[in-house]
Protein backbone atom coordinates (compact mmCIF):
# COMPACT_ATOMS: atom_id res chain seq x y z
CA MET A 1 -0.09 -19.54 -64.83
CA SER A 2 1.89 -20.31 -61.80
CA ALA A 3 0.83 -17.01 -60.21
CA MET A 4 -2.79 -18.19 -60.51
CA THR A 5 -2.31 -21.34 -58.33
CA ALA A 6 -1.40 -20.20 -54.85
CA PHE A 7 -4.04 -20.01 -52.25
CA HIS A 8 -3.39 -17.96 -49.14
CA THR A 9 -4.47 -18.34 -45.64
CA THR A 10 -6.78 -15.80 -44.20
CA THR A 11 -6.37 -14.08 -41.08
CA PRO A 12 -9.30 -12.83 -38.97
CA HIS A 13 -10.82 -9.49 -40.51
CA MET A 14 -12.13 -6.70 -38.24
CA LEU A 15 -15.89 -7.58 -37.52
CA LYS A 16 -16.81 -4.01 -37.59
CA VAL A 17 -15.71 -3.80 -41.27
CA SER A 18 -17.43 -7.14 -41.93
CA LYS A 19 -20.68 -6.18 -40.36
CA GLU A 20 -20.60 -2.93 -42.19
CA TYR A 21 -20.07 -4.86 -45.66
CA ALA A 22 -22.91 -7.13 -44.78
CA ARG A 23 -25.19 -4.51 -43.97
CA ARG A 24 -24.46 -2.62 -47.28
CA THR A 25 -24.65 -5.61 -49.48
CA LEU A 26 -27.69 -7.42 -47.81
CA MET A 27 -29.74 -4.13 -47.31
CA GLY A 28 -32.63 -5.69 -49.19
CA GLY A 29 -32.78 -8.72 -47.05
CA LEU A 30 -35.94 -10.68 -47.80
CA SER A 31 -38.58 -8.43 -46.27
CA GLY A 32 -41.80 -8.55 -47.98
CA PHE A 33 -41.34 -12.05 -49.54
CA GLU A 34 -43.61 -14.99 -48.30
CA SER A 35 -41.58 -17.96 -47.47
CA PRO A 36 -43.05 -21.54 -47.63
CA ILE A 37 -43.69 -23.02 -44.06
CA GLY A 38 -44.10 -26.65 -43.25
CA LEU A 39 -42.77 -28.06 -46.54
CA ASP A 40 -40.38 -30.96 -45.85
CA ARG A 41 -37.28 -31.74 -47.85
CA HIS A 42 -39.01 -33.93 -50.45
CA ASP A 43 -41.73 -31.20 -50.97
CA ARG A 44 -39.18 -28.32 -51.42
CA ILE A 45 -37.03 -30.48 -54.01
CA ALA A 46 -40.36 -31.19 -55.96
CA ALA A 47 -41.30 -27.48 -55.70
CA LEU A 48 -37.62 -26.40 -56.78
CA LYS A 49 -38.00 -28.50 -59.90
CA THR A 50 -41.27 -26.94 -60.97
CA GLY A 51 -40.29 -23.39 -59.96
CA ASP A 52 -42.95 -23.18 -57.36
CA ILE A 53 -40.28 -22.01 -55.01
CA GLY A 54 -36.90 -20.54 -55.40
CA PHE A 55 -33.88 -20.24 -53.08
CA VAL A 56 -33.03 -16.62 -52.62
CA HIS A 57 -30.14 -15.13 -50.99
CA SER A 58 -31.25 -11.36 -50.93
CA TRP A 59 -32.70 -8.81 -53.17
CA ASP A 60 -32.18 -4.96 -53.67
CA ILE A 61 -33.36 -2.00 -55.74
CA ASN A 62 -30.71 -0.10 -57.67
CA THR A 63 -30.17 2.24 -60.61
CA ALA A 64 -28.47 1.28 -63.68
CA VAL A 65 -26.10 -1.15 -61.97
CA ASP A 66 -27.46 -4.79 -63.15
CA GLY A 67 -29.06 -3.35 -66.45
CA PRO A 68 -30.83 -0.29 -67.52
CA GLY A 69 -33.17 1.85 -65.43
CA THR A 70 -34.19 1.22 -62.01
CA ARG A 71 -33.75 -2.64 -61.36
CA MET A 72 -34.98 -5.13 -58.81
CA THR A 73 -32.00 -7.30 -58.52
CA VAL A 74 -32.54 -10.70 -57.06
CA PHE A 75 -29.63 -12.61 -55.80
CA MET A 76 -30.47 -16.52 -56.14
CA SER A 77 -28.48 -18.98 -53.85
CA GLY A 78 -26.31 -21.75 -55.41
CA CYS A 79 -23.43 -21.64 -57.70
CA PRO A 80 -21.25 -24.30 -59.22
CA LEU A 81 -18.22 -22.37 -59.82
CA ARG A 82 -15.65 -21.31 -57.42
CA CYS A 83 -14.13 -18.15 -58.78
CA GLN A 84 -11.13 -16.91 -56.89
CA PHE A 85 -12.18 -13.42 -57.15
CA CYS A 86 -15.95 -14.10 -55.85
CA GLN A 87 -17.47 -11.22 -53.97
CA ASN A 88 -20.27 -13.43 -52.68
CA PRO A 89 -19.17 -16.81 -51.52
CA ASP A 90 -22.09 -16.87 -49.06
CA THR A 91 -24.24 -17.59 -51.97
CA TRP A 92 -22.53 -20.77 -53.10
CA LYS A 93 -24.69 -23.16 -51.47
CA MET A 94 -28.50 -23.22 -52.43
CA ARG A 95 -29.35 -24.59 -48.92
CA ASP A 96 -28.23 -21.41 -47.31
CA GLY A 97 -30.81 -19.38 -49.33
CA GLN A 98 -34.31 -18.66 -48.07
CA PRO A 99 -37.17 -20.34 -50.07
CA VAL A 100 -39.54 -17.97 -51.54
CA TYR A 101 -42.95 -18.61 -53.17
CA LEU A 102 -43.15 -17.99 -56.89
CA GLU A 103 -46.22 -15.90 -56.28
CA ALA A 104 -44.63 -13.80 -53.72
CA MET A 105 -41.87 -13.11 -56.19
CA ILE A 106 -44.19 -12.16 -59.07
CA ASP A 107 -46.18 -9.87 -56.73
CA LYS A 108 -43.08 -7.92 -55.79
CA VAL A 109 -42.35 -7.37 -59.46
CA ALA A 110 -45.93 -6.22 -59.98
CA ARG A 111 -45.60 -3.88 -57.06
CA TYR A 112 -42.68 -1.95 -58.92
CA ARG A 113 -44.16 -2.18 -62.27
CA ASP A 114 -44.79 1.48 -62.68
CA VAL A 115 -41.32 2.43 -61.49
CA PHE A 116 -39.82 0.03 -64.03
CA GLN A 117 -41.78 1.23 -66.83
CA ALA A 118 -41.24 4.86 -66.08
CA THR A 119 -37.50 4.47 -65.89
CA GLY A 120 -36.77 1.75 -68.52
CA GLY A 121 -36.06 -0.85 -65.63
CA GLY A 122 -37.13 -4.13 -64.70
CA ILE A 123 -36.09 -7.29 -62.88
CA THR A 124 -32.50 -8.78 -62.87
CA PHE A 125 -31.73 -12.18 -61.58
CA SER A 126 -28.19 -12.49 -60.24
CA GLY A 127 -26.45 -14.91 -57.85
CA GLY A 128 -24.71 -17.02 -56.92
CA GLU A 129 -25.79 -18.36 -60.34
CA SER A 130 -29.24 -17.81 -61.28
CA MET A 131 -29.27 -20.57 -64.02
CA MET A 132 -29.03 -23.09 -61.18
CA GLN A 133 -32.73 -22.56 -60.69
CA PRO A 134 -34.09 -22.28 -64.16
CA ALA A 135 -37.77 -23.15 -63.76
CA PHE A 136 -38.30 -20.49 -61.01
CA VAL A 137 -36.22 -17.56 -62.98
CA SER A 138 -37.91 -18.49 -66.16
CA ARG A 139 -41.51 -18.44 -64.71
CA VAL A 140 -40.79 -15.20 -63.00
CA PHE A 141 -39.59 -13.76 -66.38
CA ARG A 142 -42.53 -15.14 -68.24
CA ALA A 143 -44.84 -13.20 -65.69
CA ALA A 144 -42.62 -10.15 -65.99
CA LYS A 145 -42.81 -10.14 -69.81
CA GLU A 146 -46.77 -10.44 -69.59
CA MET A 147 -46.61 -7.20 -67.47
CA ASP A 148 -44.42 -5.60 -69.96
CA VAL A 149 -41.36 -5.40 -67.69
CA HIS A 150 -37.92 -5.75 -68.92
CA THR A 151 -35.92 -8.89 -67.84
CA CYS A 152 -32.23 -9.44 -67.39
CA LEU A 153 -30.18 -12.63 -66.70
CA ASP A 154 -26.92 -12.15 -64.89
CA THR A 155 -25.00 -15.34 -65.41
CA ALA A 156 -21.53 -17.03 -66.21
CA GLY A 157 -23.38 -19.10 -68.60
CA PHE A 158 -21.71 -22.34 -67.30
CA LEU A 159 -25.18 -24.05 -66.98
CA ASN A 160 -25.82 -23.39 -70.37
CA LYS A 161 -27.87 -26.61 -71.05
CA ASN A 162 -30.17 -25.83 -68.06
CA TYR A 163 -31.98 -23.21 -70.30
CA THR A 164 -34.24 -24.19 -72.99
CA ASP A 165 -34.77 -22.04 -76.03
CA GLU A 166 -38.42 -21.35 -74.85
CA MET A 167 -36.67 -19.84 -71.71
CA ILE A 168 -34.33 -17.76 -73.60
CA GLU A 169 -37.20 -16.05 -75.39
CA ASP A 170 -38.19 -14.28 -72.13
CA ILE A 171 -34.69 -12.62 -71.80
CA ASP A 172 -34.45 -9.13 -72.87
CA LEU A 173 -30.78 -8.69 -71.84
CA CYS A 174 -27.88 -11.01 -70.56
CA LEU A 175 -25.20 -9.73 -68.65
CA LEU A 176 -22.61 -12.47 -69.42
CA ASP A 177 -19.40 -12.96 -67.45
CA VAL A 178 -16.62 -14.18 -69.61
CA LYS A 179 -13.92 -14.75 -66.93
CA ALA A 180 -11.07 -15.82 -69.07
CA GLY A 181 -10.33 -16.30 -72.71
CA ASP A 182 -8.98 -19.85 -72.76
CA GLU A 183 -9.84 -23.13 -70.98
CA GLU A 184 -6.64 -23.52 -68.73
CA ARG A 185 -7.04 -19.91 -67.40
CA TYR A 186 -10.79 -20.35 -66.99
CA LYS A 187 -10.16 -23.79 -64.99
CA VAL A 188 -7.82 -22.35 -62.61
CA LEU A 189 -9.76 -19.10 -61.97
CA THR A 190 -13.36 -20.62 -61.56
CA GLY A 191 -12.93 -24.32 -61.44
CA GLY A 192 -15.26 -24.73 -64.48
CA MET A 193 -15.06 -24.84 -68.24
CA LEU A 194 -15.33 -21.88 -70.44
CA ALA A 195 -16.96 -23.62 -73.56
CA PRO A 196 -20.57 -23.42 -72.06
CA THR A 197 -20.13 -19.79 -71.61
CA ILE A 198 -19.36 -19.42 -75.39
CA ALA A 199 -22.09 -21.84 -76.42
CA PHE A 200 -24.72 -19.73 -74.35
CA GLY A 201 -23.65 -16.64 -75.82
CA LYS A 202 -24.05 -17.99 -79.20
CA ARG A 203 -27.50 -19.12 -78.35
CA LEU A 204 -28.42 -15.81 -77.03
CA ALA A 205 -27.22 -14.22 -80.33
CA ALA A 206 -29.25 -16.69 -82.49
CA HIS A 207 -32.24 -15.63 -80.55
CA HIS A 208 -31.55 -11.91 -81.19
CA LYS A 209 -30.85 -11.09 -77.52
CA LYS A 210 -28.89 -8.27 -76.15
CA ILE A 211 -25.56 -9.06 -74.41
CA TRP A 212 -23.43 -6.89 -72.04
CA VAL A 213 -20.15 -8.78 -71.39
CA ARG A 214 -18.55 -8.34 -68.13
CA PHE A 215 -14.72 -9.01 -67.57
CA VAL A 216 -13.02 -8.65 -64.22
CA LEU A 217 -9.55 -7.21 -64.80
CA ILE A 218 -7.16 -8.67 -62.32
CA PRO A 219 -3.34 -7.74 -62.62
CA GLY A 220 -1.28 -10.87 -63.32
CA LEU A 221 -4.53 -13.15 -63.58
CA THR A 222 -6.56 -11.94 -66.43
CA ASP A 223 -4.55 -8.93 -67.78
CA ALA A 224 -2.35 -10.86 -70.39
CA PRO A 225 -2.80 -9.25 -73.88
CA GLU A 226 -3.39 -12.75 -75.27
CA ASN A 227 -6.04 -13.42 -72.73
CA VAL A 228 -7.83 -10.06 -73.69
CA GLU A 229 -7.40 -10.88 -77.28
CA ASN A 230 -9.01 -14.18 -76.82
CA ILE A 231 -12.10 -12.55 -75.02
CA ALA A 232 -12.33 -10.11 -77.80
CA ARG A 233 -12.52 -12.93 -80.41
CA ILE A 234 -15.20 -14.81 -78.12
CA CYS A 235 -17.40 -11.59 -78.18
CA GLU A 236 -16.91 -11.46 -81.81
CA SER A 237 -18.30 -14.97 -82.04
CA PHE A 238 -21.62 -13.60 -80.61
CA ASP A 239 -22.49 -12.22 -84.07
CA GLY A 240 -23.27 -8.74 -83.30
CA ALA A 241 -25.10 -9.33 -79.94
CA VAL A 242 -22.74 -7.62 -77.60
CA GLU A 243 -23.85 -3.89 -77.05
CA HIS A 244 -20.87 -3.19 -74.80
CA ILE A 245 -18.14 -4.73 -72.79
CA ASP A 246 -17.76 -3.74 -69.16
CA VAL A 247 -14.16 -3.81 -67.90
CA LEU A 248 -14.54 -4.32 -64.08
CA PRO A 249 -11.46 -3.41 -62.04
CA PHE A 250 -10.75 -6.08 -59.34
CA HIS A 251 -11.19 -4.93 -55.87
CA GLN A 252 -11.19 -6.36 -52.38
CA LEU A 253 -14.71 -5.53 -51.26
CA GLY A 254 -15.77 -9.24 -50.92
CA ARG A 255 -12.82 -10.26 -48.93
CA PRO A 256 -14.66 -9.86 -45.40
CA LYS A 257 -17.22 -12.28 -46.47
CA TRP A 258 -14.40 -14.95 -47.05
CA HIS A 259 -13.16 -14.19 -43.62
CA GLU A 260 -16.54 -14.37 -41.93
CA LEU A 261 -17.18 -17.92 -43.76
CA ARG A 262 -13.44 -18.97 -42.78
CA ILE A 263 -12.74 -20.00 -46.46
CA PRO A 264 -9.12 -19.43 -47.34
CA TYR A 265 -9.17 -16.33 -49.67
CA PRO A 266 -6.86 -17.07 -52.69
CA LEU A 267 -6.49 -13.29 -53.58
CA GLU A 268 -5.65 -11.95 -50.13
CA HIS A 269 -2.92 -9.68 -51.28
CA GLN A 270 -4.05 -8.93 -54.80
CA LYS A 271 -3.98 -5.43 -55.98
CA GLY A 272 -6.32 -3.98 -58.23
CA PRO A 273 -5.21 -2.66 -61.76
CA SER A 274 -3.57 0.78 -62.48
CA SER A 275 -5.26 3.36 -64.52
CA GLU A 276 -2.50 2.62 -67.34
CA LEU A 277 -3.51 -1.11 -67.45
CA LYS A 278 -7.28 -0.36 -67.55
CA ASP A 279 -6.68 2.06 -70.36
CA ARG A 280 -4.57 -0.46 -72.47
CA VAL A 281 -7.25 -3.35 -71.92
CA ARG A 282 -10.12 -0.98 -72.93
CA ARG A 283 -8.07 0.09 -76.02
CA GLN A 284 -7.56 -3.59 -77.00
CA PHE A 285 -11.33 -4.18 -76.97
CA GLU A 286 -12.06 -1.05 -78.90
CA ALA A 287 -9.68 -2.06 -81.62
CA HIS A 288 -12.15 -4.90 -82.22
CA GLY A 289 -14.89 -2.45 -82.63
CA PHE A 290 -16.49 -2.81 -79.22
CA THR A 291 -17.90 -0.08 -77.06
CA VAL A 292 -16.09 -0.32 -73.75
CA PHE A 293 -17.26 0.91 -70.26
């Protein structure tokens, strides 16, 4: 585990590259959403608890990236984890997001309803960590289901207890990040605990919800055979709910954001996995009977 503890000091990154990354990843912005005006801090906190507003970082329309079909992916602000390989450190603080009215979000879903139904798509809440704002997300999902729109929650599951069984009922699909296979490794990589992720996966399975597991493959950090085996066993504990496992090769596309925010980037010199390593990990998961992408 010693290779997982060193944080490196970043050096200024080329602004040209950073701005281009920001332009590509934030292309959706918040255009088209009505934002609350005149609410003081007390009112905003109260509205956040009821789900009348949500703090949103950005949104985008994509195809078959964050679930099936054409998706409206909404990136919520706020995350309790501090993953060393995070691509969006600018979503960590909820206060950095833009408050958006619940009605404005529902209206946006309704505007794309025909596209979603024609392509088998729908709305995906991502982050940050979407489970930090359970009232807002679950109310949008309830409205989406009333419109016969597919719903998808992209989460690490760390805030398992934030979601009630009633809220889970309106989730069609969960993109569940299983970041490591044991508590020690998970703590070093994210600052959090693995157990809530496992508990949330089991709750999803008990409600007969579909799960796509996402696993980031990082040489020297998550690639150990025993770690992959542990993750495979965790997936098996979800009682057949896992439709497939996405093995996501580590890359450096998020590095400019760490630089712009002047946050020391722990994986400054980290390389991505080789083809041979990716094949080995995929074979390990396939040996447990999983479909692997």
